[in-house]
Amino acid sequence: MTESEGAYVKRGGFLAVVLLFSMTSPVMAHHGTAGYDMANMSTLAKATITEIEWTNPHCQIRFDVTNDKGDLQHWTLEAPPPSMLAPREWTRKSLQAGDAVKIEFHAAKNGSPFGIIQRVTFPDGKILRAYPDRPDSKTE
């Protein structure tokens, strides 16, 4: 193999690797919603925020609720990243530990205390929407 042929082969191999990564990265970049009940909305009217992680790739909202049996449940909801929440009037301080709010979300199908947040309603009626582009689902 001549020097020019070798350079051609190396360049072709490099381009093949770049092409492979460019095709797979969108698939690897985000997970789906198959594990969540996207057809129905769960509502918890008396949630107490315990923590919010304002981070990429998703914000996390943690809160506690007391179920019908009087047991305390600890929930975690996934929210969009800060770059998507900020234009929707969310800030790092929108939710604070101790805030009592109504939370609407799509719950995990397996019954675990996880979900994808849709909106938060404050006692004064203010609403923060996490995904305003998603149509409202049936409310449980």
N, C-alpha and C. Protein backbone atom coordinates (compact mmCIF):
# COMPACT_ATOMS: atom_id res chain seq x y z
N MET A 1 0.86 -1.16 0.00
CA MET A 1 0.00 0.00 0.00
C MET A 1 0.90 1.23 0.00
N THR A 2 0.56 2.15 -0.86
CA THR A 2 1.35 3.38 -0.93
C THR A 2 0.96 4.31 0.20
N GLU A 3 1.78 5.33 0.41
CA GLU A 3 1.51 6.30 1.48
C GLU A 3 0.18 7.02 1.26
N SER A 4 -0.13 7.36 0.02
CA SER A 4 -1.39 8.06 -0.26
C SER A 4 -2.59 7.14 -0.06
N GLU A 5 -2.44 5.85 -0.39
CA GLU A 5 -3.53 4.90 -0.15
C GLU A 5 -3.76 4.72 1.35
N GLY A 6 -2.67 4.67 2.13
CA GLY A 6 -2.78 4.52 3.58
C GLY A 6 -3.50 5.71 4.20
N ALA A 7 -3.19 6.92 3.73
CA ALA A 7 -3.86 8.11 4.23
C ALA A 7 -5.34 8.07 3.89
N TYR A 8 -5.67 7.57 2.69
CA TYR A 8 -7.07 7.46 2.26
C TYR A 8 -7.82 6.48 3.16
N VAL A 9 -7.20 5.35 3.48
CA VAL A 9 -7.83 4.35 4.35
C VAL A 9 -8.04 4.91 5.75
N LYS A 10 -7.03 5.61 6.29
CA LYS A 10 -7.15 6.20 7.62
C LYS A 10 -8.28 7.23 7.65
N ARG A 11 -8.33 8.06 6.62
CA ARG A 11 -9.37 9.09 6.56
C ARG A 11 -10.75 8.43 6.47
N GLY A 12 -10.85 7.39 5.67
CA GLY A 12 -12.13 6.67 5.52
C GLY A 12 -12.56 6.03 6.83
N GLY A 13 -11.60 5.45 7.55
CA GLY A 13 -11.91 4.85 8.86
C GLY A 13 -12.36 5.89 9.86
N PHE A 14 -11.68 7.03 9.86
CA PHE A 14 -12.07 8.12 10.76
C PHE A 14 -13.48 8.59 10.45
N LEU A 15 -13.79 8.78 9.19
CA LEU A 15 -15.12 9.24 8.79
C LEU A 15 -16.19 8.20 9.17
N ALA A 16 -15.86 6.93 9.05
CA ALA A 16 -16.81 5.88 9.43
C ALA A 16 -17.12 5.95 10.93
N VAL A 17 -16.11 6.18 11.75
CA VAL A 17 -16.31 6.30 13.20
C VAL A 17 -17.15 7.53 13.52
N VAL A 18 -16.85 8.65 12.89
CA VAL A 18 -17.63 9.88 13.10
C VAL A 18 -19.08 9.64 12.70
N LEU A 19 -19.31 9.01 11.57
CA LEU A 19 -20.67 8.72 11.11
C LEU A 19 -21.39 7.81 12.09
N LEU A 20 -20.72 6.81 12.59
CA LEU A 20 -21.32 5.89 13.56
C LEU A 20 -21.75 6.64 14.82
N PHE A 21 -20.89 7.48 15.36
CA PHE A 21 -21.24 8.24 16.57
C PHE A 21 -22.34 9.25 16.30
N SER A 22 -22.34 9.86 15.14
CA SER A 22 -23.38 10.85 14.85
C SER A 22 -24.75 10.19 14.72
N MET A 23 -24.78 8.93 14.33
CA MET A 23 -26.06 8.23 14.22
C MET A 23 -26.53 7.69 15.56
N THR A 24 -25.63 7.35 16.46
CA THR A 24 -26.04 6.73 17.72
C THR A 24 -26.23 7.72 18.85
N SER A 25 -25.58 8.88 18.80
CA SER A 25 -25.68 9.79 19.94
C SER A 25 -27.09 10.30 20.19
N PRO A 26 -27.92 10.61 19.18
CA PRO A 26 -29.28 11.02 19.50
C PRO A 26 -30.07 9.91 20.20
N VAL A 27 -29.80 8.68 19.85
CA VAL A 27 -30.50 7.57 20.51
C VAL A 27 -30.04 7.44 21.95
N MET A 28 -28.74 7.61 22.19
CA MET A 28 -28.20 7.46 23.53
C MET A 28 -28.46 8.69 24.39
N ALA A 29 -28.76 9.82 23.78
CA ALA A 29 -28.84 11.08 24.50
C ALA A 29 -30.04 11.18 25.43
N HIS A 30 -31.11 10.46 25.15
CA HIS A 30 -32.29 10.63 25.96
C HIS A 30 -33.04 9.32 26.08
N HIS A 31 -33.61 9.12 27.23
CA HIS A 31 -34.42 7.93 27.46
C HIS A 31 -35.87 8.26 27.14
N GLY A 32 -36.68 7.24 27.00
CA GLY A 32 -38.08 7.45 26.66
C GLY A 32 -38.97 7.54 27.88
N THR A 33 -40.26 7.55 27.62
CA THR A 33 -41.25 7.66 28.69
C THR A 33 -42.06 6.37 28.84
N ALA A 34 -41.56 5.27 28.29
CA ALA A 34 -42.32 4.01 28.31
C ALA A 34 -42.61 3.53 29.73
N GLY A 35 -41.80 3.88 30.69
CA GLY A 35 -42.00 3.44 32.07
C GLY A 35 -43.00 4.28 32.85
N TYR A 36 -43.57 5.29 32.20
CA TYR A 36 -44.50 6.20 32.87
C TYR A 36 -45.88 6.13 32.23
N ASP A 37 -46.90 6.36 33.03
CA ASP A 37 -48.29 6.35 32.55
C ASP A 37 -48.59 7.71 31.94
N MET A 38 -48.25 7.87 30.67
CA MET A 38 -48.41 9.15 29.99
C MET A 38 -49.86 9.41 29.59
N ALA A 39 -50.73 8.42 29.70
CA ALA A 39 -52.14 8.60 29.34
C ALA A 39 -52.96 9.20 30.48
N ASN A 40 -52.42 9.14 31.70
CA ASN A 40 -53.17 9.63 32.86
C ASN A 40 -52.29 10.55 33.70
N MET A 41 -52.95 11.49 34.33
CA MET A 41 -52.26 12.43 35.21
C MET A 41 -52.56 12.05 36.65
N SER A 42 -51.52 11.96 37.46
CA SER A 42 -51.68 11.76 38.89
C SER A 42 -51.61 13.13 39.55
N THR A 43 -52.41 13.32 40.58
CA THR A 43 -52.44 14.60 41.29
C THR A 43 -52.29 14.36 42.78
N LEU A 44 -51.35 15.07 43.39
CA LEU A 44 -51.19 15.04 44.85
C LEU A 44 -51.38 16.47 45.33
N ALA A 45 -52.49 16.68 46.03
CA ALA A 45 -52.91 18.04 46.40
C ALA A 45 -52.12 18.63 47.56
N LYS A 46 -51.50 17.79 48.37
CA LYS A 46 -50.79 18.30 49.54
C LYS A 46 -49.38 17.74 49.60
N ALA A 47 -48.56 18.18 48.66
CA ALA A 47 -47.17 17.75 48.61
C ALA A 47 -46.30 18.79 49.30
N THR A 48 -45.31 18.32 50.03
CA THR A 48 -44.35 19.22 50.68
C THR A 48 -42.99 19.01 50.03
N ILE A 49 -42.49 20.05 49.40
CA ILE A 49 -41.20 19.98 48.71
C ILE A 49 -40.09 19.74 49.74
N THR A 50 -39.21 18.79 49.42
CA THR A 50 -38.06 18.53 50.30
C THR A 50 -36.74 18.96 49.64
N GLU A 51 -36.71 18.93 48.30
CA GLU A 51 -35.46 19.29 47.60
C GLU A 51 -35.75 19.46 46.12
N ILE A 52 -35.01 20.36 45.49
CA ILE A 52 -35.02 20.46 44.04
C ILE A 52 -33.56 20.53 43.58
N GLU A 53 -33.24 19.68 42.62
CA GLU A 53 -31.91 19.69 42.02
C GLU A 53 -32.02 20.41 40.68
N TRP A 54 -31.44 21.57 40.59
CA TRP A 54 -31.47 22.41 39.39
C TRP A 54 -30.26 22.05 38.55
N THR A 55 -30.32 20.92 37.84
CA THR A 55 -29.15 20.37 37.16
C THR A 55 -29.51 19.82 35.78
N ASN A 56 -28.49 19.57 35.00
CA ASN A 56 -28.64 18.87 33.73
C ASN A 56 -28.30 17.40 33.94
N PRO A 57 -28.83 16.47 33.21
CA PRO A 57 -29.69 16.68 32.06
C PRO A 57 -31.17 16.85 32.42
N HIS A 58 -31.53 16.58 33.67
CA HIS A 58 -32.90 16.80 34.13
C HIS A 58 -32.87 17.34 35.55
N CYS A 59 -33.78 18.25 35.84
CA CYS A 59 -33.96 18.67 37.23
C CYS A 59 -34.71 17.55 37.95
N GLN A 60 -34.51 17.47 39.23
CA GLN A 60 -35.21 16.48 40.05
C GLN A 60 -35.95 17.23 41.15
N ILE A 61 -37.20 16.88 41.34
CA ILE A 61 -38.01 17.49 42.39
C ILE A 61 -38.39 16.39 43.37
N ARG A 62 -38.03 16.60 44.61
CA ARG A 62 -38.34 15.60 45.64
C ARG A 62 -39.36 16.22 46.60
N PHE A 63 -40.33 15.40 46.99
CA PHE A 63 -41.35 15.89 47.91
C PHE A 63 -41.91 14.73 48.71
N ASP A 64 -42.59 15.08 49.79
CA ASP A 64 -43.23 14.10 50.66
C ASP A 64 -44.73 14.32 50.63
N VAL A 65 -45.45 13.22 50.75
CA VAL A 65 -46.90 13.26 50.93
C VAL A 65 -47.28 12.20 51.95
N THR A 66 -48.41 12.40 52.59
CA THR A 66 -48.94 11.40 53.50
C THR A 66 -50.08 10.70 52.77
N ASN A 67 -50.00 9.37 52.68
CA ASN A 67 -51.03 8.64 51.95
C ASN A 67 -52.28 8.45 52.82
N ASP A 68 -53.28 7.79 52.27
CA ASP A 68 -54.56 7.59 52.96
C ASP A 68 -54.41 6.80 54.26
N LYS A 69 -53.36 6.01 54.37
CA LYS A 69 -53.13 5.21 55.58
C LYS A 69 -52.33 5.97 56.62
N GLY A 70 -51.93 7.20 56.29
CA GLY A 70 -51.14 7.99 57.22
C GLY A 70 -49.65 7.78 57.12
N ASP A 71 -49.22 7.00 56.12
CA ASP A 71 -47.79 6.73 55.92
C ASP A 71 -47.16 7.84 55.08
N LEU A 72 -45.96 8.25 55.47
CA LEU A 72 -45.23 9.26 54.72
C LEU A 72 -44.56 8.60 53.51
N GLN A 73 -44.77 9.18 52.34
CA GLN A 73 -44.16 8.68 51.11
C GLN A 73 -43.19 9.74 50.57
N HIS A 74 -42.05 9.27 50.10
CA HIS A 74 -41.03 10.15 49.51
C HIS A 74 -41.06 9.95 48.00
N TRP A 75 -41.30 11.02 47.27
CA TRP A 75 -41.42 10.97 45.82
C TRP A 75 -40.27 11.72 45.15
N THR A 76 -39.92 11.29 43.93
CA THR A 76 -38.97 12.00 43.09
C THR A 76 -39.58 12.12 41.70
N LEU A 77 -39.61 13.35 41.19
CA LEU A 77 -40.12 13.59 39.85
C LEU A 77 -39.02 14.17 38.98
N GLU A 78 -39.00 13.74 37.75
CA GLU A 78 -38.08 14.28 36.76
C GLU A 78 -38.72 15.50 36.12
N ALA A 79 -37.91 16.51 35.89
CA ALA A 79 -38.35 17.73 35.21
C ALA A 79 -37.37 18.03 34.09
N PRO A 80 -37.73 18.92 33.18
CA PRO A 80 -36.79 19.30 32.12
C PRO A 80 -35.56 19.97 32.71
N PRO A 81 -34.52 20.15 31.90
CA PRO A 81 -33.32 20.85 32.37
C PRO A 81 -33.60 22.33 32.59
N PRO A 82 -32.73 23.00 33.35
CA PRO A 82 -32.90 24.44 33.60
C PRO A 82 -33.10 25.26 32.33
N SER A 83 -32.40 24.90 31.26
CA SER A 83 -32.52 25.67 30.02
C SER A 83 -33.91 25.63 29.42
N MET A 84 -34.69 24.60 29.74
CA MET A 84 -36.07 24.52 29.26
C MET A 84 -37.05 25.10 30.28
N LEU A 85 -36.71 25.03 31.55
CA LEU A 85 -37.61 25.56 32.58
C LEU A 85 -37.56 27.08 32.67
N ALA A 86 -36.39 27.66 32.51
CA ALA A 86 -36.23 29.12 32.66
C ALA A 86 -37.18 29.92 31.77
N PRO A 87 -37.33 29.58 30.50
CA PRO A 87 -38.27 30.34 29.66
C PRO A 87 -39.73 30.16 30.09
N ARG A 88 -39.99 29.17 30.92
CA ARG A 88 -41.35 28.90 31.41
C ARG A 88 -41.58 29.49 32.80
N GLU A 89 -40.75 30.46 33.16
CA GLU A 89 -40.86 31.22 34.41
C GLU A 89 -40.41 30.46 35.65
N TRP A 90 -39.68 29.36 35.48
CA TRP A 90 -39.09 28.67 36.60
C TRP A 90 -37.74 29.31 36.90
N THR A 91 -37.37 29.31 38.16
CA THR A 91 -36.02 29.71 38.56
C THR A 91 -35.50 28.67 39.53
N ARG A 92 -34.25 28.81 39.86
CA ARG A 92 -33.63 27.92 40.85
C ARG A 92 -34.38 27.97 42.18
N LYS A 93 -35.06 29.09 42.45
CA LYS A 93 -35.75 29.27 43.72
C LYS A 93 -37.27 29.18 43.61
N SER A 94 -37.78 28.70 42.49
CA SER A 94 -39.23 28.58 42.32
C SER A 94 -39.84 27.68 43.38
N LEU A 95 -39.16 26.60 43.67
CA LEU A 95 -39.61 25.67 44.70
C LEU A 95 -38.56 25.62 45.79
N GLN A 96 -38.99 25.71 47.02
CA GLN A 96 -38.08 25.67 48.16
C GLN A 96 -38.53 24.56 49.11
N ALA A 97 -37.58 23.98 49.80
CA ALA A 97 -37.91 22.97 50.81
C ALA A 97 -38.93 23.58 51.78
N GLY A 98 -39.98 22.82 52.03
CA GLY A 98 -41.04 23.27 52.93
C GLY A 98 -42.25 23.83 52.21
N ASP A 99 -42.13 24.17 50.93
CA ASP A 99 -43.28 24.66 50.18
C ASP A 99 -44.36 23.59 50.11
N ALA A 100 -45.61 23.98 50.37
CA ALA A 100 -46.76 23.07 50.25
C ALA A 100 -47.45 23.41 48.93
N VAL A 101 -47.53 22.43 48.03
CA VAL A 101 -48.05 22.66 46.69
C VAL A 101 -48.89 21.47 46.22
N LYS A 102 -49.62 21.72 45.15
CA LYS A 102 -50.30 20.64 44.43
C LYS A 102 -49.41 20.27 43.26
N ILE A 103 -49.18 18.98 43.06
CA ILE A 103 -48.30 18.53 41.98
C ILE A 103 -49.07 17.57 41.08
N GLU A 104 -48.97 17.82 39.77
CA GLU A 104 -49.57 16.93 38.78
C GLU A 104 -48.46 16.34 37.94
N PHE A 105 -48.54 15.03 37.72
CA PHE A 105 -47.43 14.34 37.07
C PHE A 105 -47.90 13.03 36.46
N HIS A 106 -47.03 12.45 35.65
CA HIS A 106 -47.25 11.13 35.08
C HIS A 106 -46.44 10.14 35.92
N ALA A 107 -47.14 9.26 36.62
CA ALA A 107 -46.50 8.34 37.56
C ALA A 107 -45.85 7.16 36.85
N ALA A 108 -44.90 6.56 37.54
CA ALA A 108 -44.26 5.33 37.04
C ALA A 108 -45.31 4.23 36.96
N LYS A 109 -45.25 3.45 35.91
CA LYS A 109 -46.22 2.36 35.72
C LYS A 109 -46.06 1.26 36.76
N ASN A 110 -44.86 1.09 37.31
CA ASN A 110 -44.62 -0.02 38.24
C ASN A 110 -45.03 0.30 39.67
N GLY A 111 -45.60 1.48 39.91
CA GLY A 111 -46.08 1.83 41.23
C GLY A 111 -45.03 2.44 42.15
N SER A 112 -43.81 2.57 41.69
CA SER A 112 -42.77 3.18 42.52
C SER A 112 -43.01 4.69 42.59
N PRO A 113 -42.47 5.35 43.60
CA PRO A 113 -42.74 6.78 43.79
C PRO A 113 -41.88 7.69 42.91
N PHE A 114 -42.01 7.50 41.61
CA PHE A 114 -41.29 8.28 40.62
C PHE A 114 -42.25 8.74 39.55
N GLY A 115 -41.89 9.80 38.85
CA GLY A 115 -42.73 10.27 37.77
C GLY A 115 -42.09 11.39 36.99
N ILE A 116 -42.86 11.90 36.02
CA ILE A 116 -42.45 13.03 35.21
C ILE A 116 -43.42 14.17 35.51
N ILE A 117 -42.90 15.26 36.01
CA ILE A 117 -43.75 16.39 36.43
C ILE A 117 -44.42 17.05 35.23
N GLN A 118 -45.63 17.48 35.44
CA GLN A 118 -46.34 18.25 34.42
C GLN A 118 -46.54 19.69 34.90
N ARG A 119 -47.04 19.85 36.14
CA ARG A 119 -47.21 21.22 36.64
C ARG A 119 -47.30 21.23 38.16
N VAL A 120 -47.02 22.43 38.70
CA VAL A 120 -47.07 22.69 40.13
C VAL A 120 -48.03 23.86 40.33
N THR A 121 -48.94 23.73 41.30
CA THR A 121 -49.86 24.82 41.62
C THR A 121 -49.62 25.24 43.07
N PHE A 122 -49.39 26.54 43.25
CA PHE A 122 -49.14 27.09 44.58
C PHE A 122 -50.47 27.48 45.24
N PRO A 123 -50.48 27.63 46.57
CA PRO A 123 -51.71 27.99 47.27
C PRO A 123 -52.36 29.29 46.75
N ASP A 124 -51.55 30.22 46.20
CA ASP A 124 -52.11 31.46 45.68
C ASP A 124 -52.65 31.33 44.26
N GLY A 125 -52.60 30.09 43.71
CA GLY A 125 -53.13 29.84 42.38
C GLY A 125 -52.11 29.91 41.25
N LYS A 126 -50.90 30.37 41.54
CA LYS A 126 -49.86 30.43 40.51
C LYS A 126 -49.53 29.01 40.05
N ILE A 127 -49.38 28.86 38.73
CA ILE A 127 -49.07 27.56 38.14
C ILE A 127 -47.75 27.64 37.39
N LEU A 128 -46.89 26.67 37.64
CA LEU A 128 -45.67 26.50 36.86
C LEU A 128 -45.83 25.23 36.04
N ARG A 129 -45.71 25.37 34.74
CA ARG A 129 -45.83 24.21 33.85
C ARG A 129 -44.43 23.77 33.43
N ALA A 130 -44.20 22.48 33.51
CA ALA A 130 -42.90 21.95 33.10
C ALA A 130 -42.87 21.64 31.61
N TYR A 131 -43.97 21.17 31.09
CA TYR A 131 -44.07 20.80 29.68
C TYR A 131 -45.35 21.40 29.10
N PRO A 132 -45.38 22.70 28.84
CA PRO A 132 -46.61 23.31 28.35
C PRO A 132 -47.01 22.84 26.96
N ASP A 133 -46.07 22.23 26.25
CA ASP A 133 -46.37 21.75 24.92
C ASP A 133 -47.07 20.39 24.92
N ARG A 134 -47.12 19.72 26.07
CA ARG A 134 -47.81 18.44 26.16
C ARG A 134 -49.28 18.68 26.46
N PRO A 135 -50.16 17.99 25.77
CA PRO A 135 -51.57 18.18 26.07
C PRO A 135 -51.89 17.63 27.46
N ASP A 136 -52.85 18.25 28.11
CA ASP A 136 -53.26 17.76 29.43
C ASP A 136 -53.88 16.39 29.26
N SER A 137 -53.57 15.53 30.21
CA SER A 137 -54.14 14.18 30.21
C SER A 137 -55.30 14.16 31.17
N LYS A 138 -55.97 13.01 31.19
CA LYS A 138 -57.06 12.85 32.15
C LYS A 138 -56.48 12.94 33.55
N THR A 139 -57.17 13.60 34.44
CA THR A 139 -56.72 13.72 35.82
C THR A 139 -57.38 12.64 36.65
N GLU A 140 -56.56 11.96 37.46
CA GLU A 140 -57.10 10.91 38.33
C GLU A 140 -57.89 11.51 39.45
